[in-house]
Amino acid sequence: MIGGPTASLTPDGEEARRLLEEELAKAAYAEAQPNVFERILAEVLRGIARVFDGIGGLGAGPGTLVVAIGAALIITVAIVLIKPRLNARGRKEDTAVFDEGTRYSAARHRSRASALASAADWNGAVAEVLRAIIRSAEERLVIAEQPGRTATEAAVQLANVFPPLSADIAWLADLFNETVYGSGKASGEEYRRAAAVDDRFSTERPEQSLHAEGTTTPAAPQ
């Protein structure tokens, strides 16, 4: 079951270890870039695999069955741990920030964010804050309206105009991608940080306009 139709149902210790190492060595796991905790856990799992590999006193029948079950369990745990990261990496980061067919003012997006926050819908509230920031920049003639603009594109454009806020805007765009298109969950604290970024953005003066992006230089930067 572990190695496909050609694999033995009850592999010996060496075969079980080889199957496990091949599974963990697949590119998908490397691309998921596990954090420190997951790397430590992976080493623990490999240690367990070596323990199963050393089981030999149970006899050919029980021993190989225990090894097979242990290897299958370890692989299952590894997949459960890594799968969320694979899903996050596969999210649609190129989807437009604004829904097609609707256009709200920055003030309306802020109102929606506040209402969603009151309902503890932190994902929706954070998304509306980013939309408010982008729409506000368009209303201030700092960046041009751009149908289909993504959160990542907006972050780059706004960072060029508001360098002091570049790190916060990049963080907010990443959070938007993770929570709207991925499986991430925003928190109340993250919403409050996003709202603080919006407050700073509202009073920050732009340093330049994005001529390359087709934006209009405001006569009096706001």
C-alpha atoms as a PDB file:
ATOM      1  CA  MET A   1       0.000   0.000   0.000  1.00  0.00           C
ATOM      2  CA  ILE A   2       2.841   2.379   0.792  1.00  0.00           C
ATOM      3  CA  GLY A   3       4.940   1.857  -2.295  1.00  0.00           C
ATOM      4  CA  GLY A   4       2.186   1.329  -4.858  1.00  0.00           C
ATOM      5  CA  PRO A   5       0.903  -1.812  -6.646  1.00  0.00           C
ATOM      6  CA  THR A   6       4.391  -3.333  -7.027  1.00  0.00           C
ATOM      7  CA  ALA A   7       5.363  -2.992  -3.330  1.00  0.00           C
ATOM      8  CA  SER A   8       5.165  -5.922  -0.938  1.00  0.00           C
ATOM      9  CA  LEU A   9       2.360  -5.783   1.610  1.00  0.00           C
ATOM     10  CA  THR A  10       4.780  -6.837   4.343  1.00  0.00           C
ATOM     11  CA  PRO A  11       8.232  -5.426   3.477  1.00  0.00           C
ATOM     12  CA  ASP A  12      11.231  -6.314   5.595  1.00  0.00           C
ATOM     13  CA  GLY A  13      12.959  -3.708   7.784  1.00  0.00           C
ATOM     14  CA  GLU A  14      15.398  -2.566   5.112  1.00  0.00           C
ATOM     15  CA  GLU A  15      12.664  -2.198   2.500  1.00  0.00           C
ATOM     16  CA  ALA A  16      10.399  -0.266   4.900  1.00  0.00           C
ATOM     17  CA  ARG A  17      13.256   2.115   5.765  1.00  0.00           C
ATOM     18  CA  ARG A  18      14.038   2.645   2.086  1.00  0.00           C
ATOM     19  CA  LEU A  19      10.396   3.378   1.257  1.00  0.00           C
ATOM     20  CA  LEU A  20      10.162   5.886   4.089  1.00  0.00           C
ATOM     21  CA  GLU A  21      13.377   7.665   3.106  1.00  0.00           C
ATOM     22  CA  GLU A  22      12.238   7.870  -0.531  1.00  0.00           C
ATOM     23  CA  GLU A  23       8.895   9.341   0.533  1.00  0.00           C
ATOM     24  CA  LEU A  24      10.505  11.980   2.755  1.00  0.00           C
ATOM     25  CA  ALA A  25      13.045  12.823   0.043  1.00  0.00           C
ATOM     26  CA  LYS A  26      10.397  13.787  -2.529  1.00  0.00           C
ATOM     27  CA  ALA A  27      10.706  17.329  -3.898  1.00  0.00           C
ATOM     28  CA  ALA A  28       7.306  18.342  -2.563  1.00  0.00           C
ATOM     29  CA  TYR A  29       8.517  18.005   1.017  1.00  0.00           C
ATOM     30  CA  ALA A  30      11.677  19.989   0.353  1.00  0.00           C
ATOM     31  CA  GLU A  31       9.716  22.748  -1.382  1.00  0.00           C
ATOM     32  CA  ALA A  32       7.376  23.060   1.598  1.00  0.00           C
ATOM     33  CA  GLN A  33      10.305  24.452   3.611  1.00  0.00           C
ATOM     34  CA  PRO A  34       9.300  23.149   7.070  1.00  0.00           C
ATOM     35  CA  ASN A  35      10.003  25.256  10.119  1.00  0.00           C
ATOM     36  CA  VAL A  36      12.437  24.321  12.893  1.00  0.00           C
ATOM     37  CA  PHE A  37       9.838  22.350  14.838  1.00  0.00           C
ATOM     38  CA  GLU A  38       8.872  20.324  11.782  1.00  0.00           C
ATOM     39  CA  ARG A  39      12.526  19.604  10.925  1.00  0.00           C
ATOM     40  CA  ILE A  40      13.116  18.341  14.467  1.00  0.00           C
ATOM     41  CA  LEU A  41       9.968  16.230  14.267  1.00  0.00           C
ATOM     42  CA  ALA A  42      11.105  14.820  10.930  1.00  0.00           C
ATOM     43  CA  GLU A  43      14.359  13.709  12.559  1.00  0.00           C
ATOM     44  CA  VAL A  44      12.380  12.084  15.363  1.00  0.00           C
ATOM     45  CA  LEU A  45      10.247  10.272  12.803  1.00  0.00           C
ATOM     46  CA  ARG A  46      13.361   9.027  11.048  1.00  0.00           C
ATOM     47  CA  GLY A  47      14.674   7.820  14.411  1.00  0.00           C
ATOM     48  CA  ILE A  48      11.463   5.903  14.978  1.00  0.00           C
ATOM     49  CA  ALA A  49      11.858   4.409  11.528  1.00  0.00           C
ATOM     50  CA  ARG A  50      15.318   3.193  12.464  1.00  0.00           C
ATOM     51  CA  VAL A  51      13.883   1.616  15.610  1.00  0.00           C
ATOM     52  CA  PHE A  52      11.334  -0.262  13.516  1.00  0.00           C
ATOM     53  CA  ASP A  53      14.151  -1.185  11.163  1.00  0.00           C
ATOM     54  CA  GLY A  54      15.987  -2.824  14.055  1.00  0.00           C
ATOM     55  CA  ILE A  55      13.063  -4.989  15.112  1.00  0.00           C
ATOM     56  CA  GLY A  56      13.981  -8.543  14.345  1.00  0.00           C
ATOM     57  CA  GLY A  57      13.087 -10.595  17.376  1.00  0.00           C
ATOM     58  CA  LEU A  58       9.397 -10.779  16.662  1.00  0.00           C
ATOM     59  CA  GLY A  59       9.800 -13.268  13.864  1.00  0.00           C
ATOM     60  CA  ALA A  60       9.266 -12.912  10.143  1.00  0.00           C
ATOM     61  CA  GLY A  61       5.490 -12.586  10.264  1.00  0.00           C
ATOM     62  CA  PRO A  62       4.789 -10.256  13.244  1.00  0.00           C
ATOM     63  CA  GLY A  63       8.042  -8.346  12.833  1.00  0.00           C
ATOM     64  CA  THR A  64       7.528  -7.346   9.223  1.00  0.00           C
ATOM     65  CA  LEU A  65       3.894  -6.483   9.909  1.00  0.00           C
ATOM     66  CA  VAL A  66       4.889  -4.128  12.720  1.00  0.00           C
ATOM     67  CA  VAL A  67       7.496  -2.513  10.496  1.00  0.00           C
ATOM     68  CA  ALA A  68       4.982  -2.027   7.680  1.00  0.00           C
ATOM     69  CA  ILE A  69       2.378  -0.490   9.995  1.00  0.00           C
ATOM     70  CA  GLY A  70       4.975   1.733  11.647  1.00  0.00           C
ATOM     71  CA  ALA A  71       6.300   2.998   8.309  1.00  0.00           C
ATOM     72  CA  ALA A  72       2.786   3.703   7.069  1.00  0.00           C
ATOM     73  CA  LEU A  73       1.981   5.606  10.268  1.00  0.00           C
ATOM     74  CA  ILE A  74       5.132   7.717  10.011  1.00  0.00           C
ATOM     75  CA  ILE A  75       4.464   8.629   6.384  1.00  0.00           C
ATOM     76  CA  THR A  76       0.873   9.533   7.261  1.00  0.00           C
ATOM     77  CA  VAL A  77       2.041  11.859  10.034  1.00  0.00           C
ATOM     78  CA  ALA A  78       4.573  13.494   7.709  1.00  0.00           C
ATOM     79  CA  ILE A  79       1.932  14.102   5.045  1.00  0.00           C
ATOM     80  CA  VAL A  80      -0.493  15.592   7.578  1.00  0.00           C
ATOM     81  CA  LEU A  81       2.203  17.995   8.785  1.00  0.00           C
ATOM     82  CA  ILE A  82       3.419  19.054   5.349  1.00  0.00           C
ATOM     83  CA  LYS A  83       0.141  19.173   3.401  1.00  0.00           C
ATOM     84  CA  PRO A  84      -1.016  22.561   4.794  1.00  0.00           C
ATOM     85  CA  ARG A  85       2.246  24.090   3.619  1.00  0.00           C
ATOM     86  CA  LEU A  86       1.831  22.566   0.175  1.00  0.00           C
ATOM     87  CA  ASN A  87      -1.682  23.996  -0.003  1.00  0.00           C
ATOM     88  CA  ALA A  88      -0.437  27.415   1.057  1.00  0.00           C
ATOM     89  CA  ARG A  89       2.274  27.352  -1.605  1.00  0.00           C
ATOM     90  CA  GLY A  90      -0.332  26.429  -4.212  1.00  0.00           C
ATOM     91  CA  ARG A  91      -2.757  29.232  -3.395  1.00  0.00           C
ATOM     92  CA  LYS A  92      -3.810  31.695  -6.085  1.00  0.00           C
ATOM     93  CA  GLU A  93      -1.689  34.717  -5.302  1.00  0.00           C
ATOM     94  CA  ASP A  94      -2.387  36.205  -8.731  1.00  0.00           C
ATOM     95  CA  THR A  95      -6.078  36.797  -8.069  1.00  0.00           C
ATOM     96  CA  ALA A  96      -7.322  40.387  -8.007  1.00  0.00           C
ATOM     97  CA  VAL A  97      -7.692  42.123  -4.651  1.00  0.00           C
ATOM     98  CA  PHE A  98     -11.066  43.635  -5.563  1.00  0.00           C
ATOM     99  CA  ASP A  99     -14.054  41.566  -6.569  1.00  0.00           C
ATOM    100  CA  GLU A 100     -15.184  42.123 -10.126  1.00  0.00           C
ATOM    101  CA  GLY A 101     -18.387  44.096 -10.534  1.00  0.00           C
ATOM    102  CA  THR A 102     -18.148  45.963  -7.214  1.00  0.00           C
ATOM    103  CA  ARG A 103     -16.467  49.234  -6.369  1.00  0.00           C
ATOM    104  CA  TYR A 104     -16.460  50.713  -2.899  1.00  0.00           C
ATOM    105  CA  SER A 105     -14.767  53.815  -1.583  1.00  0.00           C
ATOM    106  CA  ALA A 106     -11.946  53.578   0.915  1.00  0.00           C
ATOM    107  CA  ALA A 107     -14.342  54.773   3.619  1.00  0.00           C
ATOM    108  CA  ARG A 108     -16.774  51.993   2.743  1.00  0.00           C
ATOM    109  CA  HIS A 109     -14.042  49.359   2.922  1.00  0.00           C
ATOM    110  CA  ARG A 110     -13.023  50.666   6.339  1.00  0.00           C
ATOM    111  CA  SER A 111     -16.628  50.488   7.500  1.00  0.00           C
ATOM    112  CA  ARG A 112     -16.890  46.925   6.261  1.00  0.00           C
ATOM    113  CA  ALA A 113     -13.631  46.053   8.024  1.00  0.00           C
ATOM    114  CA  SER A 114     -14.958  47.435  11.298  1.00  0.00           C
ATOM    115  CA  ALA A 115     -18.215  45.496  10.956  1.00  0.00           C
ATOM    116  CA  LEU A 116     -16.389  42.249  10.197  1.00  0.00           C
ATOM    117  CA  ALA A 117     -14.049  42.802  13.123  1.00  0.00           C
ATOM    118  CA  SER A 118     -17.044  43.288  15.414  1.00  0.00           C
ATOM    119  CA  ALA A 119     -18.212  39.852  14.297  1.00  0.00           C
ATOM    120  CA  ALA A 120     -14.711  38.428  14.921  1.00  0.00           C
ATOM    121  CA  ASP A 121     -14.312  37.689  11.204  1.00  0.00           C
ATOM    122  CA  TRP A 122     -10.634  38.580  11.264  1.00  0.00           C
ATOM    123  CA  ASN A 123      -9.884  37.223   7.805  1.00  0.00           C
ATOM    124  CA  GLY A 124     -12.560  39.373   6.215  1.00  0.00           C
ATOM    125  CA  ALA A 125     -11.619  42.389   8.316  1.00  0.00           C
ATOM    126  CA  VAL A 126      -7.939  42.200   7.331  1.00  0.00           C
ATOM    127  CA  ALA A 127      -8.864  41.857   3.654  1.00  0.00           C
ATOM    128  CA  GLU A 128     -11.049  44.945   3.820  1.00  0.00           C
ATOM    129  CA  VAL A 129      -8.266  46.953   5.472  1.00  0.00           C
ATOM    130  CA  LEU A 130      -5.901  46.193   2.588  1.00  0.00           C
ATOM    131  CA  ARG A 131      -8.608  47.096   0.094  1.00  0.00           C
ATOM    132  CA  ALA A 132      -9.182  50.367   1.949  1.00  0.00           C
ATOM    133  CA  ILE A 133      -5.480  51.225   1.738  1.00  0.00           C
ATOM    134  CA  ILE A 134      -5.301  50.504  -1.983  1.00  0.00           C
ATOM    135  CA  ARG A 135      -8.521  52.373  -2.736  1.00  0.00           C
ATOM    136  CA  SER A 136      -7.355  55.316  -0.642  1.00  0.00           C
ATOM    137  CA  ALA A 137      -4.138  55.475  -2.664  1.00  0.00           C
ATOM    138  CA  GLU A 138      -6.199  55.563  -5.853  1.00  0.00           C
ATOM    139  CA  GLU A 139      -8.459  58.282  -4.455  1.00  0.00           C
ATOM    140  CA  ARG A 140      -5.419  60.354  -3.485  1.00  0.00           C
ATOM    141  CA  LEU A 141      -4.093  59.948  -7.056  1.00  0.00           C
ATOM    142  CA  VAL A 142      -0.970  58.295  -5.708  1.00  0.00           C
ATOM    143  CA  ILE A 143      -1.440  55.176  -7.839  1.00  0.00           C
ATOM    144  CA  ALA A 144      -3.735  54.699 -10.801  1.00  0.00           C
ATOM    145  CA  GLU A 145      -6.724  52.406 -10.777  1.00  0.00           C
ATOM    146  CA  GLN A 146      -5.664  49.047 -12.156  1.00  0.00           C
ATOM    147  CA  PRO A 147      -8.260  46.345 -12.804  1.00  0.00           C
ATOM    148  CA  GLY A 148      -6.997  42.951 -11.725  1.00  0.00           C
ATOM    149  CA  ARG A 149      -4.317  44.348  -9.426  1.00  0.00           C
ATOM    150  CA  THR A 150      -3.097  41.706  -6.968  1.00  0.00           C
ATOM    151  CA  ALA A 151      -2.133  42.213  -3.358  1.00  0.00           C
ATOM    152  CA  THR A 152       1.513  41.541  -4.192  1.00  0.00           C
ATOM    153  CA  GLU A 153       1.497  44.062  -7.040  1.00  0.00           C
ATOM    154  CA  ALA A 154      -0.166  46.662  -4.843  1.00  0.00           C
ATOM    155  CA  ALA A 155       2.413  46.125  -2.104  1.00  0.00           C
ATOM    156  CA  VAL A 156       5.272  46.737  -4.544  1.00  0.00           C
ATOM    157  CA  GLN A 157       3.646  49.881  -5.960  1.00  0.00           C
ATOM    158  CA  LEU A 158       2.787  51.333  -2.570  1.00  0.00           C
ATOM    159  CA  ALA A 159       6.229  50.516  -1.173  1.00  0.00           C
ATOM    160  CA  ASN A 160       7.806  52.628  -3.940  1.00  0.00           C
ATOM    161  CA  VAL A 161       5.579  55.559  -3.027  1.00  0.00           C
ATOM    162  CA  PHE A 162       5.643  55.124   0.759  1.00  0.00           C
ATOM    163  CA  PRO A 163       9.074  53.644   1.626  1.00  0.00           C
ATOM    164  CA  PRO A 164       8.630  54.024   5.416  1.00  0.00           C
ATOM    165  CA  LEU A 165       5.559  51.767   5.227  1.00  0.00           C
ATOM    166  CA  SER A 166       6.997  49.212   2.807  1.00  0.00           C
ATOM    167  CA  ALA A 167       7.596  46.479   5.399  1.00  0.00           C
ATOM    168  CA  ASP A 168       4.132  46.839   6.946  1.00  0.00           C
ATOM    169  CA  ILE A 169       2.396  46.892   3.570  1.00  0.00           C
ATOM    170  CA  ALA A 170       4.324  43.816   2.418  1.00  0.00           C
ATOM    171  CA  TRP A 171       3.323  42.054   5.644  1.00  0.00           C
ATOM    172  CA  LEU A 172      -0.334  42.970   5.103  1.00  0.00           C
ATOM    173  CA  ALA A 173      -0.267  41.787   1.478  1.00  0.00           C
ATOM    174  CA  ASP A 174       1.236  38.453   2.548  1.00  0.00           C
ATOM    175  CA  LEU A 175      -1.404  38.104   5.267  1.00  0.00           C
ATOM    176  CA  PHE A 176      -4.109  38.872   2.685  1.00  0.00           C
ATOM    177  CA  ASN A 177      -2.789  36.131   0.378  1.00  0.00           C
ATOM    178  CA  GLU A 178      -2.528  33.612   3.204  1.00  0.00           C
ATOM    179  CA  THR A 179      -6.008  34.233   4.591  1.00  0.00           C
ATOM    180  CA  VAL A 180      -8.010  34.942   1.426  1.00  0.00           C
ATOM    181  CA  TYR A 181      -6.432  32.444  -0.986  1.00  0.00           C
ATOM    182  CA  GLY A 182      -4.698  30.065   1.412  1.00  0.00           C
ATOM    183  CA  SER A 183      -5.691  28.323   4.613  1.00  0.00           C
ATOM    184  CA  GLY A 184      -4.307  30.937   6.995  1.00  0.00           C
ATOM    185  CA  LYS A 185      -6.275  32.391   9.889  1.00  0.00           C
ATOM    186  CA  ALA A 186      -5.878  36.005  10.940  1.00  0.00           C
ATOM    187  CA  SER A 187      -6.172  37.038  14.578  1.00  0.00           C
ATOM    188  CA  GLY A 188      -7.616  40.036  16.341  1.00  0.00           C
ATOM    189  CA  GLU A 189      -4.101  41.254  17.054  1.00  0.00           C
ATOM    190  CA  GLU A 190      -3.220  41.074  13.363  1.00  0.00           C
ATOM    191  CA  TYR A 191      -6.352  43.006  12.479  1.00  0.00           C
ATOM    192  CA  ARG A 192      -5.432  45.739  14.951  1.00  0.00           C
ATOM    193  CA  ARG A 193      -1.940  45.905  13.465  1.00  0.00           C
ATOM    194  CA  ALA A 194      -3.464  46.156   9.965  1.00  0.00           C
ATOM    195  CA  ALA A 195      -5.770  48.958  11.122  1.00  0.00           C
ATOM    196  CA  ALA A 196      -2.759  50.780  12.582  1.00  0.00           C
ATOM    197  CA  VAL A 197      -0.996  50.489   9.220  1.00  0.00           C
ATOM    198  CA  ASP A 198      -4.065  52.027   7.592  1.00  0.00           C
ATOM    199  CA  ASP A 199      -4.036  54.894  10.107  1.00  0.00           C
ATOM    200  CA  ARG A 200      -0.370  55.594   9.374  1.00  0.00           C
ATOM    201  CA  PHE A 201      -0.973  55.345   5.654  1.00  0.00           C
ATOM    202  CA  SER A 202      -3.762  57.945   5.854  1.00  0.00           C
ATOM    203  CA  THR A 203      -1.360  60.574   7.204  1.00  0.00           C
ATOM    204  CA  GLU A 204       1.802  59.555   5.333  1.00  0.00           C
ATOM    205  CA  ARG A 205       2.862  61.806   2.460  1.00  0.00           C
ATOM    206  CA  PRO A 206       3.926  60.049  -0.753  1.00  0.00           C
ATOM    207  CA  GLU A 207       7.541  60.463  -1.800  1.00  0.00           C
ATOM    208  CA  GLN A 208       7.067  59.764  -5.514  1.00  0.00           C
ATOM    209  CA  SER A 209       4.585  58.575  -8.085  1.00  0.00           C
ATOM    210  CA  LEU A 210       4.823  55.442 -10.192  1.00  0.00           C
ATOM    211  CA  HIS A 211       5.238  56.792 -13.715  1.00  0.00           C
ATOM    212  CA  ALA A 212       6.236  53.358 -14.927  1.00  0.00           C
ATOM    213  CA  GLU A 213       2.934  51.998 -13.713  1.00  0.00           C
ATOM    214  CA  GLY A 214       0.923  54.688 -15.450  1.00  0.00           C
ATOM    215  CA  THR A 215       0.008  56.599 -12.310  1.00  0.00           C
ATOM    216  CA  THR A 216      -0.705  60.280 -12.137  1.00  0.00           C
ATOM    217  CA  THR A 217       1.564  62.576 -10.141  1.00  0.00           C
ATOM    218  CA  PRO A 218      -0.683  64.568  -7.807  1.00  0.00           C
ATOM    219  CA  ALA A 219      -0.378  68.349  -8.060  1.00  0.00           C
ATOM    220  CA  ALA A 220      -0.338  68.520  -4.269  1.00  0.00           C
ATOM    221  CA  PRO A 221       0.562  65.188  -2.654  1.00  0.00           C
ATOM    222  CA  GLN A 222      -1.983  64.251  -0.006  1.00  0.00           C
END
